[in-house]
Amino acid sequence: MFTRSELEIKTIKELRDLCRRYGIKPTGNAGYKTSYIVTLMAFPFLALQQMKQSKGLKFPKFNVIQIISSAIEEMNSPTDEQAALIRITLEGRKMSYPDRYDQENLLNLHKAINVA
């Protein structure tokens, strides 16, 4: 994903554009670069943590898979951070292992919902 040094050389406008691109909001006061940097560095990990906590997009329980329409409804829709992680993943950016495995699971779950 993004490194701190990669983000620190950007202007507030560039950071704001990145946040808008991925549909996420800065943490704290939008007048400071740090607010954008923290958000842009944290959203991939927050997205995966939310999936593990069954917030937003999530894997359906096994007994629900038997009824496809119920399974899709149970998967829910992505949080802002999950949607941002999906967008950046589709651009080809990968997280480090072992988080990359969960990143790919989130993308596959998103694809499954959109195919159904």
PDB file of N, CA and C in Angstrom:
ATOM      1  N   MET A   1       0.835  -1.165   0.000  1.00  0.00           N
ATOM      2  CA  MET A   1       0.000   0.000   0.000  1.00  0.00           C
ATOM      3  C   MET A   1       0.888   1.238   0.000  1.00  0.00           C
ATOM      4  N   PHE A   2       0.465   2.281   0.669  1.00  0.00           N
ATOM      5  CA  PHE A   2       1.256   3.506   0.688  1.00  0.00           C
ATOM      6  C   PHE A   2       2.277   3.475   1.825  1.00  0.00           C
ATOM      7  N   THR A   3       3.454   4.048   1.564  1.00  0.00           N
ATOM      8  CA  THR A   3       4.438   4.199   2.631  1.00  0.00           C
ATOM      9  C   THR A   3       4.354   5.628   3.151  1.00  0.00           C
ATOM     10  N   ARG A   4       4.823   5.829   4.374  1.00  0.00           N
ATOM     11  CA  ARG A   4       4.781   7.169   4.956  1.00  0.00           C
ATOM     12  C   ARG A   4       5.602   8.145   4.114  1.00  0.00           C
ATOM     13  N   SER A   5       6.793   7.718   3.702  1.00  0.00           N
ATOM     14  CA  SER A   5       7.654   8.622   2.913  1.00  0.00           C
ATOM     15  C   SER A   5       7.010   8.955   1.567  1.00  0.00           C
ATOM     16  N   GLU A   6       6.314   7.996   0.984  1.00  0.00           N
ATOM     17  CA  GLU A   6       5.619   8.221  -0.292  1.00  0.00           C
ATOM     18  C   GLU A   6       4.519   9.270  -0.123  1.00  0.00           C
ATOM     19  N   LEU A   7       3.857   9.272   1.016  1.00  0.00           N
ATOM     20  CA  LEU A   7       2.758  10.208   1.254  1.00  0.00           C
ATOM     21  C   LEU A   7       3.252  11.568   1.754  1.00  0.00           C
ATOM     22  N   GLU A   8       4.336  11.590   2.516  1.00  0.00           N
ATOM     23  CA  GLU A   8       4.827  12.846   3.081  1.00  0.00           C
ATOM     24  C   GLU A   8       5.316  13.830   2.019  1.00  0.00           C
ATOM     25  N   ILE A   9       5.731  13.337   0.865  1.00  0.00           N
ATOM     26  CA  ILE A   9       6.203  14.249  -0.184  1.00  0.00           C
ATOM     27  C   ILE A   9       5.058  14.846  -0.993  1.00  0.00           C
ATOM     28  N   LYS A  10       3.842  14.389  -0.750  1.00  0.00           N
ATOM     29  CA  LYS A  10       2.678  14.902  -1.477  1.00  0.00           C
ATOM     30  C   LYS A  10       2.128  16.143  -0.791  1.00  0.00           C
ATOM     31  N   THR A  11       1.456  16.986  -1.582  1.00  0.00           N
ATOM     32  CA  THR A  11       0.804  18.182  -1.034  1.00  0.00           C
ATOM     33  C   THR A  11      -0.538  17.782  -0.423  1.00  0.00           C
ATOM     34  N   ILE A  12      -1.127  18.700   0.350  1.00  0.00           N
ATOM     35  CA  ILE A  12      -2.449  18.427   0.932  1.00  0.00           C
ATOM     36  C   ILE A  12      -3.458  18.164  -0.178  1.00  0.00           C
ATOM     37  N   LYS A  13      -3.372  18.904  -1.269  1.00  0.00           N
ATOM     38  CA  LYS A  13      -4.308  18.697  -2.383  1.00  0.00           C
ATOM     39  C   LYS A  13      -4.163  17.285  -2.962  1.00  0.00           C
ATOM     40  N   GLU A  14      -2.930  16.838  -3.151  1.00  0.00           N
ATOM     41  CA  GLU A  14      -2.708  15.489  -3.676  1.00  0.00           C
ATOM     42  C   GLU A  14      -3.223  14.425  -2.713  1.00  0.00           C
ATOM     43  N   LEU A  15      -2.991  14.648  -1.416  1.00  0.00           N
ATOM     44  CA  LEU A  15      -3.484  13.707  -0.415  1.00  0.00           C
ATOM     45  C   LEU A  15      -5.015  13.697  -0.374  1.00  0.00           C
ATOM     46  N   ARG A  16      -5.617  14.895  -0.471  1.00  0.00           N
ATOM     47  CA  ARG A  16      -7.078  14.996  -0.492  1.00  0.00           C
ATOM     48  C   ARG A  16      -7.640  14.269  -1.715  1.00  0.00           C
ATOM     49  N   ASP A  17      -6.974  14.435  -2.856  1.00  0.00           N
ATOM     50  CA  ASP A  17      -7.422  13.754  -4.077  1.00  0.00           C
ATOM     51  C   ASP A  17      -7.330  12.230  -3.935  1.00  0.00           C
ATOM     52  N   LEU A  18      -6.281  11.747  -3.277  1.00  0.00           N
ATOM     53  CA  LEU A  18      -6.159  10.304  -3.041  1.00  0.00           C
ATOM     54  C   LEU A  18      -7.297   9.799  -2.153  1.00  0.00           C
ATOM     55  N   CYS A  19      -7.597  10.553  -1.094  1.00  0.00           N
ATOM     56  CA  CYS A  19      -8.702  10.157  -0.209  1.00  0.00           C
ATOM     57  C   CYS A  19     -10.023  10.149  -0.973  1.00  0.00           C
ATOM     58  N   ARG A  20     -10.241  11.146  -1.774  1.00  0.00           N
ATOM     59  CA  ARG A  20     -11.477  11.189  -2.574  1.00  0.00           C
ATOM     60  C   ARG A  20     -11.523  10.040  -3.566  1.00  0.00           C
ATOM     61  N   ARG A  21     -10.383   9.745  -4.174  1.00  0.00           N
ATOM     62  CA  ARG A  21     -10.300   8.665  -5.159  1.00  0.00           C
ATOM     63  C   ARG A  21     -10.753   7.333  -4.572  1.00  0.00           C
ATOM     64  N   TYR A  22     -10.369   7.093  -3.313  1.00  0.00           N
ATOM     65  CA  TYR A  22     -10.710   5.830  -2.671  1.00  0.00           C
ATOM     66  C   TYR A  22     -11.947   5.930  -1.784  1.00  0.00           C
ATOM     67  N   GLY A  23     -12.541   7.116  -1.690  1.00  0.00           N
ATOM     68  CA  GLY A  23     -13.780   7.273  -0.948  1.00  0.00           C
ATOM     69  C   GLY A  23     -13.623   7.208   0.560  1.00  0.00           C
ATOM     70  N   ILE A  24     -12.500   7.714   1.069  1.00  0.00           N
ATOM     71  CA  ILE A  24     -12.283   7.710   2.515  1.00  0.00           C
ATOM     72  C   ILE A  24     -12.080   9.138   3.005  1.00  0.00           C
ATOM     73  N   LYS A  25     -12.363   9.353   4.290  1.00  0.00           N
ATOM     74  CA  LYS A  25     -12.273  10.684   4.879  1.00  0.00           C
ATOM     75  C   LYS A  25     -11.021  10.794   5.744  1.00  0.00           C
ATOM     76  N   PRO A  26     -10.406  11.987   5.782  1.00  0.00           N
ATOM     77  CA  PRO A  26      -9.223  12.165   6.626  1.00  0.00           C
ATOM     78  C   PRO A  26      -9.578  12.054   8.100  1.00  0.00           C
ATOM     79  N   THR A  27      -8.610  11.625   8.896  1.00  0.00           N
ATOM     80  CA  THR A  27      -8.788  11.519  10.336  1.00  0.00           C
ATOM     81  C   THR A  27      -8.448  12.862  10.959  1.00  0.00           C
ATOM     82  N   GLY A  28      -9.364  13.444  11.691  1.00  0.00           N
ATOM     83  CA  GLY A  28      -9.081  14.716  12.358  1.00  0.00           C
ATOM     84  C   GLY A  28      -9.269  15.906  11.429  1.00  0.00           C
ATOM     85  N   ASN A  29      -8.467  16.936  11.643  1.00  0.00           N
ATOM     86  CA  ASN A  29      -8.573  18.200  10.921  1.00  0.00           C
ATOM     87  C   ASN A  29      -8.043  18.052   9.490  1.00  0.00           C
ATOM     88  N   ALA A  30      -8.899  18.337   8.509  1.00  0.00           N
ATOM     89  CA  ALA A  30      -8.535  18.190   7.096  1.00  0.00           C
ATOM     90  C   ALA A  30      -7.512  19.237   6.642  1.00  0.00           C
ATOM     91  N   GLY A  31      -7.140  20.149   7.497  1.00  0.00           N
ATOM     92  CA  GLY A  31      -6.147  21.158   7.145  1.00  0.00           C
ATOM     93  C   GLY A  31      -4.708  20.686   7.338  1.00  0.00           C
ATOM     94  N   TYR A  32      -4.546  19.508   7.910  1.00  0.00           N
ATOM     95  CA  TYR A  32      -3.207  18.988   8.180  1.00  0.00           C
ATOM     96  C   TYR A  32      -2.910  17.754   7.335  1.00  0.00           C
ATOM     97  N   LYS A  33      -1.690  17.686   6.822  1.00  0.00           N
ATOM     98  CA  LYS A  33      -1.275  16.522   6.020  1.00  0.00           C
ATOM     99  C   LYS A  33      -1.378  15.233   6.815  1.00  0.00           C
ATOM    100  N   THR A  34      -1.056  15.313   8.103  1.00  0.00           N
ATOM    101  CA  THR A  34      -1.064  14.125   8.955  1.00  0.00           C
ATOM    102  C   THR A  34      -2.429  13.443   8.957  1.00  0.00           C
ATOM    103  N   SER A  35      -3.495  14.231   8.911  1.00  0.00           N
ATOM    104  CA  SER A  35      -4.844  13.657   8.906  1.00  0.00           C
ATOM    105  C   SER A  35      -5.051  12.753   7.696  1.00  0.00           C
ATOM    106  N   TYR A  36      -4.540  13.166   6.558  1.00  0.00           N
ATOM    107  CA  TYR A  36      -4.668  12.369   5.334  1.00  0.00           C
ATOM    108  C   TYR A  36      -3.712  11.179   5.355  1.00  0.00           C
ATOM    109  N   ILE A  37      -2.480  11.426   5.809  1.00  0.00           N
ATOM    110  CA  ILE A  37      -1.457  10.370   5.818  1.00  0.00           C
ATOM    111  C   ILE A  37      -1.894   9.214   6.714  1.00  0.00           C
ATOM    112  N   VAL A  38      -2.388   9.528   7.901  1.00  0.00           N
ATOM    113  CA  VAL A  38      -2.833   8.487   8.827  1.00  0.00           C
ATOM    114  C   VAL A  38      -3.938   7.655   8.183  1.00  0.00           C
ATOM    115  N   THR A  39      -4.902   8.323   7.577  1.00  0.00           N
ATOM    116  CA  THR A  39      -6.019   7.618   6.938  1.00  0.00           C
ATOM    117  C   THR A  39      -5.539   6.747   5.788  1.00  0.00           C
ATOM    118  N   LEU A  40      -4.692   7.283   4.935  1.00  0.00           N
ATOM    119  CA  LEU A  40      -4.229   6.535   3.762  1.00  0.00           C
ATOM    120  C   LEU A  40      -3.341   5.357   4.148  1.00  0.00           C
ATOM    121  N   MET A  41      -2.636   5.471   5.253  1.00  0.00           N
ATOM    122  CA  MET A  41      -1.800   4.356   5.691  1.00  0.00           C
ATOM    123  C   MET A  41      -2.617   3.299   6.436  1.00  0.00           C
ATOM    124  N   ALA A  42      -3.688   3.720   7.104  1.00  0.00           N
ATOM    125  CA  ALA A  42      -4.430   2.805   7.975  1.00  0.00           C
ATOM    126  C   ALA A  42      -5.579   2.081   7.285  1.00  0.00           C
ATOM    127  N   PHE A  43      -6.174   2.651   6.235  1.00  0.00           N
ATOM    128  CA  PHE A  43      -7.406   2.064   5.706  1.00  0.00           C
ATOM    129  C   PHE A  43      -7.283   0.617   5.245  1.00  0.00           C
ATOM    130  N   PRO A  44      -6.170   0.183   4.659  1.00  0.00           N
ATOM    131  CA  PRO A  44      -6.115  -1.235   4.253  1.00  0.00           C
ATOM    132  C   PRO A  44      -6.233  -2.190   5.440  1.00  0.00           C
ATOM    133  N   PHE A  45      -5.553  -1.846   6.531  1.00  0.00           N
ATOM    134  CA  PHE A  45      -5.579  -2.705   7.715  1.00  0.00           C
ATOM    135  C   PHE A  45      -6.940  -2.643   8.402  1.00  0.00           C
ATOM    136  N   LEU A  46      -7.550  -1.447   8.421  1.00  0.00           N
ATOM    137  CA  LEU A  46      -8.883  -1.314   8.995  1.00  0.00           C
ATOM    138  C   LEU A  46      -9.902  -2.124   8.196  1.00  0.00           C
ATOM    139  N   ALA A  47      -9.770  -2.094   6.876  1.00  0.00           N
ATOM    140  CA  ALA A  47     -10.699  -2.832   6.018  1.00  0.00           C
ATOM    141  C   ALA A  47     -10.649  -4.329   6.307  1.00  0.00           C
ATOM    142  N   LEU A  48      -9.449  -4.862   6.441  1.00  0.00           N
ATOM    143  CA  LEU A  48      -9.312  -6.295   6.727  1.00  0.00           C
ATOM    144  C   LEU A  48      -9.786  -6.629   8.136  1.00  0.00           C
ATOM    145  N   GLN A  49      -9.497  -5.754   9.078  1.00  0.00           N
ATOM    146  CA  GLN A  49      -9.946  -5.967  10.449  1.00  0.00           C
ATOM    147  C   GLN A  49     -11.476  -5.963  10.506  1.00  0.00           C
ATOM    148  N   GLN A  50     -12.109  -5.055   9.762  1.00  0.00           N
ATOM    149  CA  GLN A  50     -13.568  -5.001   9.732  1.00  0.00           C
ATOM    150  C   GLN A  50     -14.153  -6.280   9.146  1.00  0.00           C
ATOM    151  N   MET A  51     -13.520  -6.814   8.107  1.00  0.00           N
ATOM    152  CA  MET A  51     -13.999  -8.058   7.516  1.00  0.00           C
ATOM    153  C   MET A  51     -13.913  -9.192   8.540  1.00  0.00           C
ATOM    154  N   LYS A  52     -12.805  -9.255   9.270  1.00  0.00           N
ATOM    155  CA  LYS A  52     -12.627 -10.299  10.286  1.00  0.00           C
ATOM    156  C   LYS A  52     -13.642 -10.164  11.412  1.00  0.00           C
ATOM    157  N   GLN A  53     -14.095  -8.937  11.677  1.00  0.00           N
ATOM    158  CA  GLN A  53     -15.076  -8.685  12.729  1.00  0.00           C
ATOM    159  C   GLN A  53     -16.512  -8.765  12.205  1.00  0.00           C
ATOM    160  N   SER A  54     -16.668  -9.199  10.956  1.00  0.00           N
ATOM    161  CA  SER A  54     -17.981  -9.326  10.308  1.00  0.00           C
ATOM    162  C   SER A  54     -18.699  -7.990  10.145  1.00  0.00           C
ATOM    163  N   LYS A  55     -17.930  -6.917   9.913  1.00  0.00           N
ATOM    164  CA  LYS A  55     -18.508  -5.613   9.587  1.00  0.00           C
ATOM    165  C   LYS A  55     -18.399  -5.424   8.083  1.00  0.00           C
ATOM    166  N   GLY A  56     -19.398  -4.813   7.471  1.00  0.00           N
ATOM    167  CA  GLY A  56     -19.351  -4.584   6.031  1.00  0.00           C
ATOM    168  C   GLY A  56     -19.379  -5.908   5.289  1.00  0.00           C
ATOM    169  N   LEU A  57     -18.520  -6.064   4.301  1.00  0.00           N
ATOM    170  CA  LEU A  57     -18.433  -7.331   3.568  1.00  0.00           C
ATOM    171  C   LEU A  57     -17.909  -8.418   4.488  1.00  0.00           C
ATOM    172  N   LYS A  58     -18.533  -9.571   4.425  1.00  0.00           N
ATOM    173  CA  LYS A  58     -18.097 -10.686   5.264  1.00  0.00           C
ATOM    174  C   LYS A  58     -18.455 -11.995   4.585  1.00  0.00           C
ATOM    175  N   PHE A  59     -17.786 -13.044   5.021  1.00  0.00           N
ATOM    176  CA  PHE A  59     -18.084 -14.369   4.493  1.00  0.00           C
ATOM    177  C   PHE A  59     -19.366 -14.883   5.137  1.00  0.00           C
ATOM    178  N   PRO A  60     -20.227 -15.502   4.356  1.00  0.00           N
ATOM    179  CA  PRO A  60     -21.456 -16.050   4.939  1.00  0.00           C
ATOM    180  C   PRO A  60     -21.153 -17.305   5.762  1.00  0.00           C
ATOM    181  N   LYS A  61     -22.039 -17.609   6.687  1.00  0.00           N
ATOM    182  CA  LYS A  61     -21.914 -18.840   7.459  1.00  0.00           C
ATOM    183  C   LYS A  61     -22.241 -20.016   6.539  1.00  0.00           C
ATOM    184  N   PHE A  62     -21.665 -21.167   6.837  1.00  0.00           N
ATOM    185  CA  PHE A  62     -21.797 -22.319   5.950  1.00  0.00           C
ATOM    186  C   PHE A  62     -23.247 -22.708   5.685  1.00  0.00           C
ATOM    187  N   ASN A  63     -24.098 -22.716   6.727  1.00  0.00           N
ATOM    188  CA  ASN A  63     -25.480 -23.134   6.541  1.00  0.00           C
ATOM    189  C   ASN A  63     -26.282 -22.173   5.654  1.00  0.00           C
ATOM    190  N   VAL A  64     -25.813 -20.972   5.490  1.00  0.00           N
ATOM    191  CA  VAL A  64     -26.517 -19.983   4.671  1.00  0.00           C
ATOM    192  C   VAL A  64     -26.166 -20.136   3.190  1.00  0.00           C
ATOM    193  N   ILE A  65     -24.991 -20.715   2.917  1.00  0.00           N
ATOM    194  CA  ILE A  65     -24.551 -20.864   1.533  1.00  0.00           C
ATOM    195  C   ILE A  65     -25.541 -21.680   0.712  1.00  0.00           C
ATOM    196  N   GLN A  66     -26.297 -22.553   1.353  1.00  0.00           N
ATOM    197  CA  GLN A  66     -27.258 -23.402   0.653  1.00  0.00           C
ATOM    198  C   GLN A  66     -28.356 -22.567  -0.018  1.00  0.00           C
ATOM    199  N   ILE A  67     -28.605 -21.416   0.488  1.00  0.00           N
ATOM    200  CA  ILE A  67     -29.627 -20.539  -0.099  1.00  0.00           C
ATOM    201  C   ILE A  67     -28.906 -19.312  -0.653  1.00  0.00           C
ATOM    202  N   ILE A  68     -28.674 -19.295  -1.947  1.00  0.00           N
ATOM    203  CA  ILE A  68     -27.835 -18.260  -2.569  1.00  0.00           C
ATOM    204  C   ILE A  68     -28.323 -16.843  -2.283  1.00  0.00           C
ATOM    205  N   SER A  69     -29.571 -16.578  -2.413  1.00  0.00           N
ATOM    206  CA  SER A  69     -30.054 -15.214  -2.188  1.00  0.00           C
ATOM    207  C   SER A  69     -29.828 -14.778  -0.748  1.00  0.00           C
ATOM    208  N   SER A  70     -29.952 -15.689   0.199  1.00  0.00           N
ATOM    209  CA  SER A  70     -29.690 -15.365   1.599  1.00  0.00           C
ATOM    210  C   SER A  70     -28.203 -15.125   1.818  1.00  0.00           C
ATOM    211  N   ALA A  71     -27.379 -15.893   1.131  1.00  0.00           N
ATOM    212  CA  ALA A  71     -25.924 -15.731   1.279  1.00  0.00           C
ATOM    213  C   ALA A  71     -25.483 -14.361   0.800  1.00  0.00           C
ATOM    214  N   ILE A  72     -25.979 -13.923  -0.329  1.00  0.00           N
ATOM    215  CA  ILE A  72     -25.582 -12.615  -0.866  1.00  0.00           C
ATOM    216  C   ILE A  72     -26.038 -11.507   0.068  1.00  0.00           C
ATOM    217  N   GLU A  73     -27.243 -11.635   0.587  1.00  0.00           N
ATOM    218  CA  GLU A  73     -27.741 -10.629   1.517  1.00  0.00           C
ATOM    219  C   GLU A  73     -26.893 -10.596   2.796  1.00  0.00           C
ATOM    220  N   GLU A  74     -26.490 -11.754   3.263  1.00  0.00           N
ATOM    221  CA  GLU A  74     -25.692 -11.835   4.491  1.00  0.00           C
ATOM    222  C   GLU A  74     -24.302 -11.237   4.306  1.00  0.00           C
ATOM    223  N   MET A  75     -23.760 -11.294   3.087  1.00  0.00           N
ATOM    224  CA  MET A  75     -22.414 -10.762   2.852  1.00  0.00           C
ATOM    225  C   MET A  75     -22.360  -9.261   3.083  1.00  0.00           C
ATOM    226  N   ASN A  76     -23.479  -8.596   2.993  1.00  0.00           N
ATOM    227  CA  ASN A  76     -23.563  -7.175   3.287  1.00  0.00           C
ATOM    228  C   ASN A  76     -22.881  -6.349   2.200  1.00  0.00           C
ATOM    229  N   SER A  77     -22.610  -5.103   2.480  1.00  0.00           N
ATOM    230  CA  SER A  77     -21.923  -4.234   1.535  1.00  0.00           C
ATOM    231  C   SER A  77     -20.676  -3.695   2.213  1.00  0.00           C
ATOM    232  N   PRO A  78     -19.700  -3.263   1.417  1.00  0.00           N
ATOM    233  CA  PRO A  78     -18.418  -2.860   2.009  1.00  0.00           C
ATOM    234  C   PRO A  78     -18.499  -1.554   2.783  1.00  0.00           C
ATOM    235  N   THR A  79     -17.645  -1.448   3.802  1.00  0.00           N
ATOM    236  CA  THR A  79     -17.468  -0.180   4.505  1.00  0.00           C
ATOM    237  C   THR A  79     -16.663   0.740   3.584  1.00  0.00           C
ATOM    238  N   ASP A  80     -16.543   2.003   3.943  1.00  0.00           N
ATOM    239  CA  ASP A  80     -15.748   2.940   3.133  1.00  0.00           C
ATOM    240  C   ASP A  80     -14.309   2.463   2.989  1.00  0.00           C
ATOM    241  N   GLU A  81     -13.737   1.966   4.079  1.00  0.00           N
ATOM    242  CA  GLU A  81     -12.347   1.505   4.044  1.00  0.00           C
ATOM    243  C   GLU A  81     -12.206   0.247   3.189  1.00  0.00           C
ATOM    244  N   GLN A  82     -13.183  -0.658   3.283  1.00  0.00           N
ATOM    245  CA  GLN A  82     -13.134  -1.865   2.470  1.00  0.00           C
ATOM    246  C   GLN A  82     -13.275  -1.512   0.987  1.00  0.00           C
ATOM    247  N   ALA A  83     -14.174  -0.581   0.663  1.00  0.00           N
ATOM    248  CA  ALA A  83     -14.343  -0.152  -0.728  1.00  0.00           C
ATOM    249  C   ALA A  83     -13.052   0.482  -1.248  1.00  0.00           C
ATOM    250  N   ALA A  84     -12.387   1.266  -0.396  1.00  0.00           N
ATOM    251  CA  ALA A  84     -11.118   1.886  -0.788  1.00  0.00           C
ATOM    252  C   ALA A  84     -10.050   0.831  -1.022  1.00  0.00           C
ATOM    253  N   LEU A  85      -9.993  -0.176  -0.153  1.00  0.00           N
ATOM    254  CA  LEU A  85      -9.010  -1.251  -0.323  1.00  0.00           C
ATOM    255  C   LEU A  85      -9.301  -2.042  -1.597  1.00  0.00           C
ATOM    256  N   ILE A  86     -10.559  -2.252  -1.911  1.00  0.00           N
ATOM    257  CA  ILE A  86     -10.926  -2.943  -3.158  1.00  0.00           C
ATOM    258  C   ILE A  86     -10.455  -2.130  -4.359  1.00  0.00           C
ATOM    259  N   ARG A  87     -10.695  -0.807  -4.324  1.00  0.00           N
ATOM    260  CA  ARG A  87     -10.273   0.051  -5.442  1.00  0.00           C
ATOM    261  C   ARG A  87      -8.756   0.011  -5.649  1.00  0.00           C
ATOM    262  N   ILE A  88      -8.005   0.142  -4.559  1.00  0.00           N
ATOM    263  CA  ILE A  88      -6.545   0.169  -4.690  1.00  0.00           C
ATOM    264  C   ILE A  88      -6.011  -1.208  -5.091  1.00  0.00           C
ATOM    265  N   THR A  89      -6.696  -2.275  -4.675  1.00  0.00           N
ATOM    266  CA  THR A  89      -6.305  -3.629  -5.069  1.00  0.00           C
ATOM    267  C   THR A  89      -6.525  -3.820  -6.566  1.00  0.00           C
ATOM    268  N   LEU A  90      -7.626  -3.303  -7.065  1.00  0.00           N
ATOM    269  CA  LEU A  90      -7.911  -3.408  -8.498  1.00  0.00           C
ATOM    270  C   LEU A  90      -6.891  -2.634  -9.334  1.00  0.00           C
ATOM    271  N   GLU A  91      -6.223  -1.679  -8.704  1.00  0.00           N
ATOM    272  CA  GLU A  91      -5.155  -0.939  -9.376  1.00  0.00           C
ATOM    273  C   GLU A  91      -3.827  -1.695  -9.335  1.00  0.00           C
ATOM    274  N   GLY A  92      -3.815  -2.837  -8.660  1.00  0.00           N
ATOM    275  CA  GLY A  92      -2.615  -3.664  -8.645  1.00  0.00           C
ATOM    276  C   GLY A  92      -1.720  -3.499  -7.429  1.00  0.00           C
ATOM    277  N   ARG A  93      -2.133  -2.694  -6.446  1.00  0.00           N
ATOM    278  CA  ARG A  93      -1.295  -2.511  -5.252  1.00  0.00           C
ATOM    279  C   ARG A  93      -1.590  -3.627  -4.267  1.00  0.00           C
ATOM    280  N   LYS A  94      -0.540  -4.206  -3.730  1.00  0.00           N
ATOM    281  CA  LYS A  94      -0.658  -5.355  -2.828  1.00  0.00           C
ATOM    282  C   LYS A  94      -0.103  -5.019  -1.458  1.00  0.00           C
ATOM    283  N   MET A  95      -0.725  -5.577  -0.442  1.00  0.00           N
ATOM    284  CA  MET A  95      -0.235  -5.441   0.924  1.00  0.00           C
ATOM    285  C   MET A  95       0.869  -6.478   1.145  1.00  0.00           C
ATOM    286  N   SER A  96       1.577  -6.348   2.240  1.00  0.00           N
ATOM    287  CA  SER A  96       2.607  -7.326   2.605  1.00  0.00           C
ATOM    288  C   SER A  96       1.921  -8.577   3.148  1.00  0.00           C
ATOM    289  N   TYR A  97       2.657  -9.698   3.057  1.00  0.00           N
ATOM    290  CA  TYR A  97       2.141 -10.921   3.686  1.00  0.00           C
ATOM    291  C   TYR A  97       2.245 -10.756   5.192  1.00  0.00           C
ATOM    292  N   PRO A  98       1.356 -11.288   5.992  1.00  0.00           N
ATOM    293  CA  PRO A  98       0.240 -12.177   5.676  1.00  0.00           C
ATOM    294  C   PRO A  98      -1.050 -11.436   5.329  1.00  0.00           C
ATOM    295  N   ASP A  99      -1.052 -10.083   5.392  1.00  0.00           N
ATOM    296  CA  ASP A  99      -2.276  -9.326   5.120  1.00  0.00           C
ATOM    297  C   ASP A  99      -2.729  -9.444   3.675  1.00  0.00           C
ATOM    298  N   ARG A 100      -1.806  -9.746   2.771  1.00  0.00           N
ATOM    299  CA  ARG A 100      -2.160  -9.880   1.363  1.00  0.00           C
ATOM    300  C   ARG A 100      -3.196 -10.987   1.154  1.00  0.00           C
ATOM    301  N   TYR A 101      -3.105 -12.053   1.932  1.00  0.00           N
ATOM    302  CA  TYR A 101      -4.066 -13.156   1.837  1.00  0.00           C
ATOM    303  C   TYR A 101      -5.484 -12.645   2.131  1.00  0.00           C
ATOM    304  N   ASP A 102      -5.635 -11.863   3.210  1.00  0.00           N
ATOM    305  CA  ASP A 102      -6.942 -11.306   3.550  1.00  0.00           C
ATOM    306  C   ASP A 102      -7.385 -10.258   2.531  1.00  0.00           C
ATOM    307  N   GLN A 103      -6.432  -9.501   1.994  1.00  0.00           N
ATOM    308  CA  GLN A 103      -6.744  -8.517   0.951  1.00  0.00           C
ATOM    309  C   GLN A 103      -7.348  -9.222  -0.261  1.00  0.00           C
ATOM    310  N   GLU A 104      -6.749 -10.334  -0.669  1.00  0.00           N
ATOM    311  CA  GLU A 104      -7.265 -11.096  -1.814  1.00  0.00           C
ATOM    312  C   GLU A 104      -8.617 -11.717  -1.492  1.00  0.00           C
ATOM    313  N   ASN A 105      -8.807 -12.168  -0.249  1.00  0.00           N
ATOM    314  CA  ASN A 105     -10.107 -12.700   0.160  1.00  0.00           C
ATOM    315  C   ASN A 105     -11.191 -11.635   0.072  1.00  0.00           C
ATOM    316  N   LEU A 106     -10.870 -10.410   0.508  1.00  0.00           N
ATOM    317  CA  LEU A 106     -11.830  -9.309   0.435  1.00  0.00           C
ATOM    318  C   LEU A 106     -12.201  -9.022  -1.014  1.00  0.00           C
ATOM    319  N   LEU A 107     -11.208  -8.981  -1.899  1.00  0.00           N
ATOM    320  CA  LEU A 107     -11.473  -8.739  -3.317  1.00  0.00           C
ATOM    321  C   LEU A 107     -12.321  -9.864  -3.911  1.00  0.00           C
ATOM    322  N   ASN A 108     -12.012 -11.114  -3.583  1.00  0.00           N
ATOM    323  CA  ASN A 108     -12.790 -12.235  -4.096  1.00  0.00           C
ATOM    324  C   ASN A 108     -14.227 -12.205  -3.603  1.00  0.00           C
ATOM    325  N   LEU A 109     -14.408 -11.808  -2.356  1.00  0.00           N
ATOM    326  CA  LEU A 109     -15.749 -11.677  -1.813  1.00  0.00           C
ATOM    327  C   LEU A 109     -16.529 -10.586  -2.551  1.00  0.00           C
ATOM    328  N   HIS A 110     -15.869  -9.480  -2.807  1.00  0.00           N
ATOM    329  CA  HIS A 110     -16.487  -8.378  -3.564  1.00  0.00           C
ATOM    330  C   HIS A 110     -16.884  -8.849  -4.967  1.00  0.00           C
ATOM    331  N   LYS A 111     -15.971  -9.568  -5.623  1.00  0.00           N
ATOM    332  CA  LYS A 111     -16.264 -10.084  -6.975  1.00  0.00           C
ATOM    333  C   LYS A 111     -17.429 -11.052  -6.944  1.00  0.00           C
ATOM    334  N   ALA A 112     -17.487 -11.909  -5.925  1.00  0.00           N
ATOM    335  CA  ALA A 112     -18.572 -12.888  -5.822  1.00  0.00           C
ATOM    336  C   ALA A 112     -19.928 -12.211  -5.709  1.00  0.00           C
ATOM    337  N   ILE A 113     -19.988 -11.150  -4.938  1.00  0.00           N
ATOM    338  CA  ILE A 113     -21.253 -10.429  -4.763  1.00  0.00           C
ATOM    339  C   ILE A 113     -21.658  -9.768  -6.073  1.00  0.00           C
ATOM    340  N   ASN A 114     -20.701  -9.197  -6.788  1.00  0.00           N
ATOM    341  CA  ASN A 114     -21.029  -8.484  -8.019  1.00  0.00           C
ATOM    342  C   ASN A 114     -21.362  -9.412  -9.183  1.00  0.00           C
ATOM    343  N   VAL A 115     -20.941 -10.653  -9.119  1.00  0.00           N
ATOM    344  CA  VAL A 115     -21.258 -11.625 -10.175  1.00  0.00           C
ATOM    345  C   VAL A 115     -22.670 -12.152  -9.976  1.00  0.00           C
ATOM    346  N   ALA A 116     -23.056 -12.336  -8.718  1.00  0.00           N
ATOM    347  CA  ALA A 116     -24.362 -12.925  -8.411  1.00  0.00           C
ATOM    348  C   ALA A 116     -25.512 -12.037  -8.764  1.00  0.00           C
TER     349      ALA A 116
END
